[in-house]
Amino acid sequence: MSTSTVADRFAEQNALGYDARIATLVPGYAELHEMSAAVLAARLGERARVLVVGAGTGTETLAFAKANPGWQVLGVDPSPDMLAIARRRAEAESLHNVEFVEGYASGIGAGERFDAAVSLLVMHFIAGSEAKAAFLGEIAALLAPGAPLLLADLAEHDEDDLDAMAAYTLAHGVSEEALPAISTRLREDFHPVSDAELADLAGQTGFAVPRPYFRGLAFAAHQLLRR
């Protein structure tokens, strides 16, 4: 996926409305972030370097930095409009242990090493196993041995999962008229993988077998340890 494609997807009004919209569309969105923070807190010490790939408006990046003053948290994202929101939020909270960089993990210096990485709701936008492997490989190259990558995306699903997600969105204020467009987007814009495919991608890119730590209907989160 090109920088311009991602930037267009999350530009201007899409960026401004992202935080309110995503919580109504992803089952367990808040709990996913809470569980991710708990997994990192259990694995890392008081001082750590954490990379957030696909930082968006900064939700998890800022939460990690605020809860752990000894961590240095770097958020990277290709959308300047999303990052503008993230930077304003960091400034408003006077957080000095967080930084945001426009671009991709591949643009971070080869000599950089992080104690953990997080990528929530990003890889499912990447089409094709080769491109997904390249994405994971770029992150793996920045991680110290034994460092975790927390990865959450739309997983392989069936029609029952889509029906359940439709019921979830209706219960959270999404209009019934909006459901066909949401369903179309899930089918056309997302590129989920099965658990077996994810395990294969992990093995190709220097990670151990993925370990699940959270699931909200068809959205699944896994911990991958850098070998």
C-alpha atoms as a PDB file:
ATOM      1  CA  MET A   1       0.000   0.000   0.000  1.00  0.00           C
ATOM      2  CA  SER A   2       1.474   3.346  -1.015  1.00  0.00           C
ATOM      3  CA  THR A   3       1.928   6.333   1.284  1.00  0.00           C
ATOM      4  CA  SER A   4      -0.565   8.356  -0.759  1.00  0.00           C
ATOM      5  CA  THR A   5      -3.232   5.626  -0.513  1.00  0.00           C
ATOM      6  CA  VAL A   6      -2.989   5.464   3.267  1.00  0.00           C
ATOM      7  CA  ALA A   7      -2.801   9.226   3.605  1.00  0.00           C
ATOM      8  CA  ASP A   8      -5.961   9.593   1.494  1.00  0.00           C
ATOM      9  CA  ARG A   9      -7.795   6.940   3.521  1.00  0.00           C
ATOM     10  CA  PHE A  10      -7.167   8.794   6.773  1.00  0.00           C
ATOM     11  CA  ALA A  11      -7.104  12.403   5.576  1.00  0.00           C
ATOM     12  CA  GLU A  12      -8.894  15.490   6.879  1.00  0.00           C
ATOM     13  CA  GLN A  13     -12.453  14.641   8.000  1.00  0.00           C
ATOM     14  CA  ASN A  14     -11.688  10.912   8.084  1.00  0.00           C
ATOM     15  CA  ALA A  15      -8.845  11.672  10.477  1.00  0.00           C
ATOM     16  CA  LEU A  16     -10.937  14.012  12.616  1.00  0.00           C
ATOM     17  CA  GLY A  17     -13.751  11.503  13.022  1.00  0.00           C
ATOM     18  CA  TYR A  18     -11.586   8.417  13.361  1.00  0.00           C
ATOM     19  CA  ASP A  19     -11.577   8.002  17.150  1.00  0.00           C
ATOM     20  CA  ALA A  20     -15.340   8.246  17.540  1.00  0.00           C
ATOM     21  CA  ARG A  21     -15.976   6.036  14.514  1.00  0.00           C
ATOM     22  CA  ILE A  22     -13.554   3.193  15.196  1.00  0.00           C
ATOM     23  CA  ALA A  23     -14.943   2.447  18.656  1.00  0.00           C
ATOM     24  CA  THR A  24     -18.360   1.742  17.117  1.00  0.00           C
ATOM     25  CA  LEU A  25     -16.961  -0.542  14.419  1.00  0.00           C
ATOM     26  CA  VAL A  26     -14.391  -2.717  16.214  1.00  0.00           C
ATOM     27  CA  PRO A  27     -15.838  -4.975  18.933  1.00  0.00           C
ATOM     28  CA  GLY A  28     -13.802  -4.624  22.119  1.00  0.00           C
ATOM     29  CA  TYR A  29     -11.804  -1.650  20.825  1.00  0.00           C
ATOM     30  CA  ALA A  30     -11.182  -0.130  24.269  1.00  0.00           C
ATOM     31  CA  GLU A  31     -10.469  -3.542  25.808  1.00  0.00           C
ATOM     32  CA  LEU A  32      -7.988  -4.333  23.017  1.00  0.00           C
ATOM     33  CA  HIS A  33      -5.960  -1.298  24.021  1.00  0.00           C
ATOM     34  CA  GLU A  34      -6.216  -2.125  27.714  1.00  0.00           C
ATOM     35  CA  MET A  35      -5.055  -5.714  27.129  1.00  0.00           C
ATOM     36  CA  SER A  36      -2.224  -4.553  24.885  1.00  0.00           C
ATOM     37  CA  ALA A  37      -1.022  -2.152  27.568  1.00  0.00           C
ATOM     38  CA  ALA A  38      -1.205  -4.926  30.183  1.00  0.00           C
ATOM     39  CA  VAL A  39       0.796  -7.360  28.018  1.00  0.00           C
ATOM     40  CA  LEU A  40       3.524  -4.765  27.473  1.00  0.00           C
ATOM     41  CA  ALA A  41       3.617  -3.775  31.139  1.00  0.00           C
ATOM     42  CA  ALA A  42       4.096  -7.422  32.117  1.00  0.00           C
ATOM     43  CA  ARG A  43       7.008  -7.895  29.700  1.00  0.00           C
ATOM     44  CA  LEU A  44       8.898  -4.604  29.918  1.00  0.00           C
ATOM     45  CA  GLY A  45      10.787  -2.911  32.713  1.00  0.00           C
ATOM     46  CA  GLU A  46      10.569   0.676  33.899  1.00  0.00           C
ATOM     47  CA  ARG A  47      12.737   1.782  30.966  1.00  0.00           C
ATOM     48  CA  ALA A  48      12.046   0.606  27.434  1.00  0.00           C
ATOM     49  CA  ARG A  49      11.834   1.770  23.848  1.00  0.00           C
ATOM     50  CA  VAL A  50       8.484   1.020  22.236  1.00  0.00           C
ATOM     51  CA  LEU A  51       7.598   1.361  18.546  1.00  0.00           C
ATOM     52  CA  VAL A  52       3.979   1.889  17.470  1.00  0.00           C
ATOM     53  CA  VAL A  53       3.483   1.136  13.776  1.00  0.00           C
ATOM     54  CA  GLY A  54       0.361   2.781  12.378  1.00  0.00           C
ATOM     55  CA  ALA A  55       0.092   5.239  15.266  1.00  0.00           C
ATOM     56  CA  GLY A  56      -2.877   7.088  13.786  1.00  0.00           C
ATOM     57  CA  THR A  57      -4.225   9.747  16.137  1.00  0.00           C
ATOM     58  CA  GLY A  58      -1.953   8.489  18.890  1.00  0.00           C
ATOM     59  CA  THR A  59      -4.396   6.593  21.111  1.00  0.00           C
ATOM     60  CA  GLU A  60      -2.113   3.740  22.187  1.00  0.00           C
ATOM     61  CA  THR A  61       1.126   5.710  21.773  1.00  0.00           C
ATOM     62  CA  LEU A  62      -0.011   8.389  24.193  1.00  0.00           C
ATOM     63  CA  ALA A  63      -1.503   5.868  26.632  1.00  0.00           C
ATOM     64  CA  PHE A  64       1.787   3.948  26.804  1.00  0.00           C
ATOM     65  CA  ALA A  65       3.810   7.138  27.271  1.00  0.00           C
ATOM     66  CA  LYS A  66       1.481   8.532  29.940  1.00  0.00           C
ATOM     67  CA  ALA A  67       1.306   5.328  31.986  1.00  0.00           C
ATOM     68  CA  ASN A  68       5.050   4.622  31.744  1.00  0.00           C
ATOM     69  CA  PRO A  69       7.156   7.792  32.098  1.00  0.00           C
ATOM     70  CA  GLY A  70      10.375   5.773  31.764  1.00  0.00           C
ATOM     71  CA  TRP A  71       9.435   4.468  28.317  1.00  0.00           C
ATOM     72  CA  GLN A  72      10.428   6.228  25.110  1.00  0.00           C
ATOM     73  CA  VAL A  73       7.574   5.700  22.646  1.00  0.00           C
ATOM     74  CA  LEU A  74       7.909   6.331  18.919  1.00  0.00           C
ATOM     75  CA  GLY A  75       4.772   6.360  16.773  1.00  0.00           C
ATOM     76  CA  VAL A  76       5.092   6.101  13.003  1.00  0.00           C
ATOM     77  CA  ASP A  77       2.250   6.630  10.512  1.00  0.00           C
ATOM     78  CA  PRO A  78       2.020   7.659   6.844  1.00  0.00           C
ATOM     79  CA  SER A  79      -0.955  10.018   7.357  1.00  0.00           C
ATOM     80  CA  PRO A  80       0.057  13.618   8.147  1.00  0.00           C
ATOM     81  CA  ASP A  81      -3.513  14.490   9.135  1.00  0.00           C
ATOM     82  CA  MET A  82      -3.698  11.672  11.683  1.00  0.00           C
ATOM     83  CA  LEU A  83      -0.294  12.602  13.093  1.00  0.00           C
ATOM     84  CA  ALA A  84      -1.292  16.269  13.400  1.00  0.00           C
ATOM     85  CA  ILE A  85      -4.033  15.163  15.793  1.00  0.00           C
ATOM     86  CA  ALA A  86      -1.619  12.894  17.681  1.00  0.00           C
ATOM     87  CA  ARG A  87       0.929  15.688  18.120  1.00  0.00           C
ATOM     88  CA  ARG A  88      -1.717  18.117  19.373  1.00  0.00           C
ATOM     89  CA  ARG A  89      -2.852  15.539  21.906  1.00  0.00           C
ATOM     90  CA  ALA A  90       0.716  14.921  23.100  1.00  0.00           C
ATOM     91  CA  GLU A  91       1.314  18.647  23.476  1.00  0.00           C
ATOM     92  CA  ALA A  92      -1.943  19.119  25.379  1.00  0.00           C
ATOM     93  CA  GLU A  93      -0.868  16.433  27.857  1.00  0.00           C
ATOM     94  CA  SER A  94       2.718  17.743  28.074  1.00  0.00           C
ATOM     95  CA  LEU A  95       4.161  14.325  27.241  1.00  0.00           C
ATOM     96  CA  HIS A  96       7.895  14.493  26.547  1.00  0.00           C
ATOM     97  CA  ASN A  97       8.654  10.779  26.204  1.00  0.00           C
ATOM     98  CA  VAL A  98       6.737  10.386  22.942  1.00  0.00           C
ATOM     99  CA  GLU A  99       7.619  11.220  19.343  1.00  0.00           C
ATOM    100  CA  PHE A 100       5.688  10.915  16.088  1.00  0.00           C
ATOM    101  CA  VAL A 101       7.276  10.364  12.677  1.00  0.00           C
ATOM    102  CA  GLU A 102       5.517  10.439   9.308  1.00  0.00           C
ATOM    103  CA  GLY A 103       6.236   7.363   7.203  1.00  0.00           C
ATOM    104  CA  TYR A 104       6.700   3.630   7.632  1.00  0.00           C
ATOM    105  CA  ALA A 105       8.800   1.333   9.797  1.00  0.00           C
ATOM    106  CA  SER A 106      11.092   0.858   6.811  1.00  0.00           C
ATOM    107  CA  GLY A 107      12.106   4.515   7.081  1.00  0.00           C
ATOM    108  CA  ILE A 108      13.468   4.168  10.619  1.00  0.00           C
ATOM    109  CA  GLY A 109      17.243   3.965  10.840  1.00  0.00           C
ATOM    110  CA  ALA A 110      18.680   0.468  10.487  1.00  0.00           C
ATOM    111  CA  GLY A 111      20.664   0.900  13.697  1.00  0.00           C
ATOM    112  CA  GLU A 112      17.569   1.523  15.820  1.00  0.00           C
ATOM    113  CA  ARG A 113      16.478  -1.186  18.254  1.00  0.00           C
ATOM    114  CA  PHE A 114      13.247  -1.351  20.208  1.00  0.00           C
ATOM    115  CA  ASP A 115      12.214  -3.468  23.187  1.00  0.00           C
ATOM    116  CA  ALA A 116       8.681  -3.925  21.842  1.00  0.00           C
ATOM    117  CA  ALA A 117       6.464  -2.985  18.925  1.00  0.00           C
ATOM    118  CA  VAL A 118       2.714  -2.594  18.589  1.00  0.00           C
ATOM    119  CA  SER A 119       0.609  -2.566  15.418  1.00  0.00           C
ATOM    120  CA  LEU A 120      -3.123  -2.505  16.006  1.00  0.00           C
ATOM    121  CA  LEU A 121      -5.610  -2.645  13.116  1.00  0.00           C
ATOM    122  CA  VAL A 122      -3.028  -1.973  10.398  1.00  0.00           C
ATOM    123  CA  MET A 123      -1.864  -5.128   8.620  1.00  0.00           C
ATOM    124  CA  HIS A 124      -5.373  -6.097   7.503  1.00  0.00           C
ATOM    125  CA  PHE A 125      -5.199  -3.188   5.014  1.00  0.00           C
ATOM    126  CA  ILE A 126      -2.179  -4.777   3.286  1.00  0.00           C
ATOM    127  CA  ALA A 127      -3.055  -7.085   0.400  1.00  0.00           C
ATOM    128  CA  GLY A 128      -1.078 -10.235  -0.358  1.00  0.00           C
ATOM    129  CA  SER A 129       1.149 -12.478   1.714  1.00  0.00           C
ATOM    130  CA  GLU A 130       4.364 -11.065   0.211  1.00  0.00           C
ATOM    131  CA  ALA A 131       3.449  -7.515   1.193  1.00  0.00           C
ATOM    132  CA  LYS A 132       2.375  -8.653   4.657  1.00  0.00           C
ATOM    133  CA  ALA A 133       5.672 -10.518   5.084  1.00  0.00           C
ATOM    134  CA  ALA A 134       7.572  -7.384   4.056  1.00  0.00           C
ATOM    135  CA  PHE A 135       5.605  -5.370   6.623  1.00  0.00           C
ATOM    136  CA  LEU A 136       6.397  -7.834   9.427  1.00  0.00           C
ATOM    137  CA  GLY A 137      10.008  -8.141   8.317  1.00  0.00           C
ATOM    138  CA  GLU A 138      10.506  -4.389   8.543  1.00  0.00           C
ATOM    139  CA  ILE A 139       9.278  -4.451  12.130  1.00  0.00           C
ATOM    140  CA  ALA A 140      11.339  -7.537  13.013  1.00  0.00           C
ATOM    141  CA  ALA A 141      14.503  -5.773  11.824  1.00  0.00           C
ATOM    142  CA  LEU A 142      13.947  -3.077  14.456  1.00  0.00           C
ATOM    143  CA  LEU A 143      13.339  -5.398  17.426  1.00  0.00           C
ATOM    144  CA  ALA A 144      15.831  -6.809  19.898  1.00  0.00           C
ATOM    145  CA  PRO A 145      15.871 -10.629  20.278  1.00  0.00           C
ATOM    146  CA  GLY A 146      13.011 -11.746  22.504  1.00  0.00           C
ATOM    147  CA  ALA A 147      11.112  -8.463  22.020  1.00  0.00           C
ATOM    148  CA  PRO A 148       7.349  -8.769  21.508  1.00  0.00           C
ATOM    149  CA  LEU A 149       5.273  -7.490  18.629  1.00  0.00           C
ATOM    150  CA  LEU A 150       1.618  -7.022  19.544  1.00  0.00           C
ATOM    151  CA  LEU A 151      -0.422  -7.431  16.371  1.00  0.00           C
ATOM    152  CA  ALA A 152      -4.198  -7.059  16.054  1.00  0.00           C
ATOM    153  CA  ASP A 153      -6.236  -7.227  12.862  1.00  0.00           C
ATOM    154  CA  LEU A 154      -9.416  -8.477  11.299  1.00  0.00           C
ATOM    155  CA  ALA A 155      -8.933 -12.239  11.104  1.00  0.00           C
ATOM    156  CA  GLU A 156     -10.375 -14.786   8.719  1.00  0.00           C
ATOM    157  CA  HIS A 157     -14.123 -14.922   9.346  1.00  0.00           C
ATOM    158  CA  ASP A 158     -17.447 -16.232   8.071  1.00  0.00           C
ATOM    159  CA  GLU A 159     -20.920 -14.773   7.540  1.00  0.00           C
ATOM    160  CA  ASP A 160     -21.898 -15.427  11.158  1.00  0.00           C
ATOM    161  CA  ASP A 161     -19.049 -13.170  12.275  1.00  0.00           C
ATOM    162  CA  LEU A 162     -20.236 -10.434   9.912  1.00  0.00           C
ATOM    163  CA  ASP A 163     -23.791 -10.741  11.239  1.00  0.00           C
ATOM    164  CA  ALA A 164     -22.505 -10.458  14.812  1.00  0.00           C
ATOM    165  CA  MET A 165     -20.415  -7.415  13.939  1.00  0.00           C
ATOM    166  CA  ALA A 166     -23.442  -5.810  12.279  1.00  0.00           C
ATOM    167  CA  ALA A 167     -25.433  -6.340  15.483  1.00  0.00           C
ATOM    168  CA  TYR A 168     -22.547  -4.824  17.478  1.00  0.00           C
ATOM    169  CA  THR A 169     -22.383  -1.696  15.335  1.00  0.00           C
ATOM    170  CA  LEU A 170     -26.166  -1.234  15.532  1.00  0.00           C
ATOM    171  CA  ALA A 171     -26.008  -1.475  19.325  1.00  0.00           C
ATOM    172  CA  HIS A 172     -23.326   1.205  19.333  1.00  0.00           C
ATOM    173  CA  GLY A 173     -25.246   3.794  17.369  1.00  0.00           C
ATOM    174  CA  VAL A 174     -24.461   3.007  13.741  1.00  0.00           C
ATOM    175  CA  SER A 175     -27.559   3.395  11.548  1.00  0.00           C
ATOM    176  CA  GLU A 176     -29.013   0.424   9.732  1.00  0.00           C
ATOM    177  CA  GLU A 177     -28.661   2.365   6.475  1.00  0.00           C
ATOM    178  CA  ALA A 178     -24.871   2.425   6.959  1.00  0.00           C
ATOM    179  CA  LEU A 179     -24.524  -1.361   7.322  1.00  0.00           C
ATOM    180  CA  PRO A 180     -24.312  -2.245   3.593  1.00  0.00           C
ATOM    181  CA  ALA A 181     -21.395   0.161   3.106  1.00  0.00           C
ATOM    182  CA  ILE A 182     -19.633  -1.243   6.173  1.00  0.00           C
ATOM    183  CA  SER A 183     -20.143  -4.795   4.938  1.00  0.00           C
ATOM    184  CA  THR A 184     -18.809  -3.873   1.489  1.00  0.00           C
ATOM    185  CA  ARG A 185     -15.750  -2.279   3.008  1.00  0.00           C
ATOM    186  CA  LEU A 186     -15.032  -5.337   5.154  1.00  0.00           C
ATOM    187  CA  ARG A 187     -15.134  -7.500   2.039  1.00  0.00           C
ATOM    188  CA  GLU A 188     -13.210  -5.216  -0.321  1.00  0.00           C
ATOM    189  CA  ASP A 189     -10.792  -3.086   1.734  1.00  0.00           C
ATOM    190  CA  PHE A 190      -9.644  -5.627   4.316  1.00  0.00           C
ATOM    191  CA  HIS A 191      -7.305  -8.549   3.712  1.00  0.00           C
ATOM    192  CA  PRO A 192      -7.563 -10.928   6.703  1.00  0.00           C
ATOM    193  CA  VAL A 193      -5.487 -14.037   7.282  1.00  0.00           C
ATOM    194  CA  SER A 194      -6.180 -17.302   9.079  1.00  0.00           C
ATOM    195  CA  ASP A 195      -4.314 -18.359  12.218  1.00  0.00           C
ATOM    196  CA  ALA A 196      -2.290 -20.804  10.101  1.00  0.00           C
ATOM    197  CA  GLU A 197      -1.375 -18.094   7.595  1.00  0.00           C
ATOM    198  CA  LEU A 198      -0.335 -15.747  10.378  1.00  0.00           C
ATOM    199  CA  ALA A 199       1.873 -18.459  11.902  1.00  0.00           C
ATOM    200  CA  ASP A 200       3.492 -18.997   8.503  1.00  0.00           C
ATOM    201  CA  LEU A 201       4.115 -15.261   8.063  1.00  0.00           C
ATOM    202  CA  ALA A 202       5.624 -15.080  11.554  1.00  0.00           C
ATOM    203  CA  GLY A 203       7.985 -17.957  10.800  1.00  0.00           C
ATOM    204  CA  GLN A 204       9.098 -16.331   7.547  1.00  0.00           C
ATOM    205  CA  THR A 205       9.946 -13.025   9.211  1.00  0.00           C
ATOM    206  CA  GLY A 206      11.868 -14.042  12.323  1.00  0.00           C
ATOM    207  CA  PHE A 207       9.076 -14.398  14.879  1.00  0.00           C
ATOM    208  CA  ALA A 208       8.049 -17.327  17.058  1.00  0.00           C
ATOM    209  CA  VAL A 209       4.581 -18.883  16.813  1.00  0.00           C
ATOM    210  CA  PRO A 210       1.920 -16.192  17.497  1.00  0.00           C
ATOM    211  CA  ARG A 211       0.235 -16.369  20.899  1.00  0.00           C
ATOM    212  CA  PRO A 212      -3.339 -14.995  21.099  1.00  0.00           C
ATOM    213  CA  TYR A 213      -4.089 -12.524  23.886  1.00  0.00           C
ATOM    214  CA  PHE A 214      -7.427 -10.968  22.904  1.00  0.00           C
ATOM    215  CA  ARG A 215     -10.338 -11.424  20.504  1.00  0.00           C
ATOM    216  CA  GLY A 216     -13.398  -9.319  19.758  1.00  0.00           C
ATOM    217  CA  LEU A 217     -15.551 -11.341  17.364  1.00  0.00           C
ATOM    218  CA  ALA A 218     -13.456 -11.457  14.153  1.00  0.00           C
ATOM    219  CA  PHE A 219     -10.795  -9.016  15.382  1.00  0.00           C
ATOM    220  CA  ALA A 220      -7.904 -10.971  16.892  1.00  0.00           C
ATOM    221  CA  ALA A 221      -4.760  -9.890  18.749  1.00  0.00           C
ATOM    222  CA  HIS A 222      -1.548 -11.939  18.958  1.00  0.00           C
ATOM    223  CA  GLN A 223       1.811 -11.591  20.631  1.00  0.00           C
ATOM    224  CA  LEU A 224       4.782 -12.483  18.391  1.00  0.00           C
ATOM    225  CA  LEU A 225       8.222 -12.779  20.002  1.00  0.00           C
ATOM    226  CA  ARG A 226      11.274 -11.853  17.950  1.00  0.00           C
ATOM    227  CA  ARG A 227      13.539 -14.889  17.674  1.00  0.00           C
END
